[in-house]
Amino acid sequence: MKSYKDLEVYSLSLELFYKCHSMSLKLPKHELYELGSQLRRSADSVTTNIVEGYGRKRYKANFIKFLTYSWQVVWKRYFTLRKFQNFILK
């Protein structure tokens, strides 16, 4: 592994970031800045934590800690997407 870009989890999180960002812009105006912002920030946080953890890979425990942070944010994003789903399906 020469770079964080070689990590499959990084590629997947980046792809999901782009999808979540474009989806968040389709929210109704009154939710665009609240729920939309929350979705965009959590989507960005997953990828950012992976990159930051990779930067600390010299210390395995730090790398694992940041991957764990990413996993926690994935669950937050999942919950946000579930809320988002209600607006899209209506």
C-alpha atoms as a PDB file:
ATOM      1  CA  MET A   1       0.000   0.000   0.000  1.00  0.00           C
ATOM      2  CA  LYS A   2       1.763   3.102  -1.272  1.00  0.00           C
ATOM      3  CA  SER A   3      -0.998   5.601  -0.595  1.00  0.00           C
ATOM      4  CA  TYR A   4      -4.400   5.963   1.022  1.00  0.00           C
ATOM      5  CA  LYS A   5      -5.699   6.015  -2.548  1.00  0.00           C
ATOM      6  CA  ASP A   6      -4.846   2.308  -2.741  1.00  0.00           C
ATOM      7  CA  LEU A   7      -7.362   1.538   0.011  1.00  0.00           C
ATOM      8  CA  GLU A   8     -10.645   0.191  -1.298  1.00  0.00           C
ATOM      9  CA  VAL A   9     -12.483   1.790   1.623  1.00  0.00           C
ATOM     10  CA  TYR A  10     -11.127   5.183   0.540  1.00  0.00           C
ATOM     11  CA  SER A  11     -12.393   4.724  -3.029  1.00  0.00           C
ATOM     12  CA  LEU A  12     -15.818   3.657  -1.808  1.00  0.00           C
ATOM     13  CA  SER A  13     -16.095   6.517   0.668  1.00  0.00           C
ATOM     14  CA  LEU A  14     -15.086   9.061  -1.965  1.00  0.00           C
ATOM     15  CA  GLU A  15     -17.675   7.702  -4.390  1.00  0.00           C
ATOM     16  CA  LEU A  16     -20.329   7.897  -1.671  1.00  0.00           C
ATOM     17  CA  PHE A  17     -19.217  11.428  -0.822  1.00  0.00           C
ATOM     18  CA  TYR A  18     -19.937  12.577  -4.368  1.00  0.00           C
ATOM     19  CA  LYS A  19     -23.311  10.825  -4.414  1.00  0.00           C
ATOM     20  CA  CYS A  20     -24.353  12.180  -1.028  1.00  0.00           C
ATOM     21  CA  HIS A  21     -23.299  15.684  -1.968  1.00  0.00           C
ATOM     22  CA  SER A  22     -25.384  15.751  -5.131  1.00  0.00           C
ATOM     23  CA  MET A  23     -28.337  14.105  -3.355  1.00  0.00           C
ATOM     24  CA  SER A  24     -28.212  16.663  -0.553  1.00  0.00           C
ATOM     25  CA  LEU A  25     -28.690  19.479  -3.045  1.00  0.00           C
ATOM     26  CA  LYS A  26     -32.061  17.980  -4.048  1.00  0.00           C
ATOM     27  CA  LEU A  27     -33.579  18.538  -0.623  1.00  0.00           C
ATOM     28  CA  PRO A  28     -36.385  21.055  -0.183  1.00  0.00           C
ATOM     29  CA  LYS A  29     -35.134  24.578   0.450  1.00  0.00           C
ATOM     30  CA  HIS A  30     -36.034  24.503   4.145  1.00  0.00           C
ATOM     31  CA  GLU A  31     -33.871  21.377   4.680  1.00  0.00           C
ATOM     32  CA  LEU A  32     -31.049  22.246   2.309  1.00  0.00           C
ATOM     33  CA  TYR A  33     -29.007  24.060   4.932  1.00  0.00           C
ATOM     34  CA  GLU A  34     -29.765  21.846   7.916  1.00  0.00           C
ATOM     35  CA  LEU A  35     -30.161  18.223   6.892  1.00  0.00           C
ATOM     36  CA  GLY A  36     -28.281  18.806   3.638  1.00  0.00           C
ATOM     37  CA  SER A  37     -25.337  20.350   5.436  1.00  0.00           C
ATOM     38  CA  GLN A  38     -25.283  17.524   7.974  1.00  0.00           C
ATOM     39  CA  LEU A  39     -25.221  14.955   5.175  1.00  0.00           C
ATOM     40  CA  ARG A  40     -22.437  16.740   3.297  1.00  0.00           C
ATOM     41  CA  ARG A  41     -20.293  17.154   6.418  1.00  0.00           C
ATOM     42  CA  SER A  42     -20.675  13.532   7.490  1.00  0.00           C
ATOM     43  CA  ALA A  43     -19.909  12.309   3.975  1.00  0.00           C
ATOM     44  CA  ASP A  44     -16.752  14.398   3.920  1.00  0.00           C
ATOM     45  CA  SER A  45     -15.748  13.269   7.407  1.00  0.00           C
ATOM     46  CA  VAL A  46     -15.565   9.586   6.453  1.00  0.00           C
ATOM     47  CA  THR A  47     -13.040  10.194   3.683  1.00  0.00           C
ATOM     48  CA  THR A  48     -11.112  12.739   5.723  1.00  0.00           C
ATOM     49  CA  ASN A  49     -10.745  10.358   8.670  1.00  0.00           C
ATOM     50  CA  ILE A  50      -9.423   7.617   6.397  1.00  0.00           C
ATOM     51  CA  VAL A  51      -6.823   9.972   4.927  1.00  0.00           C
ATOM     52  CA  GLU A  52      -5.828  11.331   8.337  1.00  0.00           C
ATOM     53  CA  GLY A  53      -5.557   7.819   9.753  1.00  0.00           C
ATOM     54  CA  TYR A  54      -3.372   6.784   6.858  1.00  0.00           C
ATOM     55  CA  GLY A  55      -1.125   9.728   7.618  1.00  0.00           C
ATOM     56  CA  ARG A  56      -0.679   8.288  11.110  1.00  0.00           C
ATOM     57  CA  LYS A  57      -0.177   4.696   9.942  1.00  0.00           C
ATOM     58  CA  ARG A  58       3.259   4.633  11.478  1.00  0.00           C
ATOM     59  CA  TYR A  59       1.383   4.086  14.724  1.00  0.00           C
ATOM     60  CA  LYS A  60      -1.004   1.236  14.019  1.00  0.00           C
ATOM     61  CA  ALA A  61      -3.284   2.123  16.947  1.00  0.00           C
ATOM     62  CA  ASN A  62      -3.801   5.647  15.555  1.00  0.00           C
ATOM     63  CA  PHE A  63      -4.596   4.308  12.104  1.00  0.00           C
ATOM     64  CA  ILE A  64      -7.159   1.930  13.592  1.00  0.00           C
ATOM     65  CA  LYS A  65      -8.601   4.735  15.741  1.00  0.00           C
ATOM     66  CA  PHE A  66      -9.247   6.906  12.688  1.00  0.00           C
ATOM     67  CA  LEU A  67     -10.739   3.999  10.756  1.00  0.00           C
ATOM     68  CA  THR A  68     -13.038   3.485  13.741  1.00  0.00           C
ATOM     69  CA  TYR A  69     -14.011   7.165  13.611  1.00  0.00           C
ATOM     70  CA  SER A  70     -14.847   6.688   9.940  1.00  0.00           C
ATOM     71  CA  TRP A  71     -17.024   3.698  10.751  1.00  0.00           C
ATOM     72  CA  GLN A  72     -18.899   5.719  13.384  1.00  0.00           C
ATOM     73  CA  VAL A  73     -19.522   8.491  10.875  1.00  0.00           C
ATOM     74  CA  VAL A  74     -20.815   5.925   8.364  1.00  0.00           C
ATOM     75  CA  TRP A  75     -23.564   5.072  10.848  1.00  0.00           C
ATOM     76  CA  LYS A  76     -24.310   8.757  11.304  1.00  0.00           C
ATOM     77  CA  ARG A  77     -24.538   9.149   7.543  1.00  0.00           C
ATOM     78  CA  TYR A  78     -26.819   6.110   7.340  1.00  0.00           C
ATOM     79  CA  PHE A  79     -29.193   7.674   9.851  1.00  0.00           C
ATOM     80  CA  THR A  80     -29.101  11.008   8.002  1.00  0.00           C
ATOM     81  CA  LEU A  81     -29.861   9.238   4.717  1.00  0.00           C
ATOM     82  CA  ARG A  82     -32.831   7.526   6.343  1.00  0.00           C
ATOM     83  CA  LYS A  83     -34.194  10.970   7.272  1.00  0.00           C
ATOM     84  CA  PHE A  84     -33.362  12.190   3.767  1.00  0.00           C
ATOM     85  CA  GLN A  85     -35.342   9.291   2.302  1.00  0.00           C
ATOM     86  CA  ASN A  86     -38.561  10.680   3.803  1.00  0.00           C
ATOM     87  CA  PHE A  87     -38.187  13.902   1.845  1.00  0.00           C
ATOM     88  CA  ILE A  88     -37.416  12.177  -1.447  1.00  0.00           C
ATOM     89  CA  LEU A  89     -40.252   9.642  -1.224  1.00  0.00           C
ATOM     90  CA  LYS A  90     -42.920  12.264  -0.464  1.00  0.00           C
END
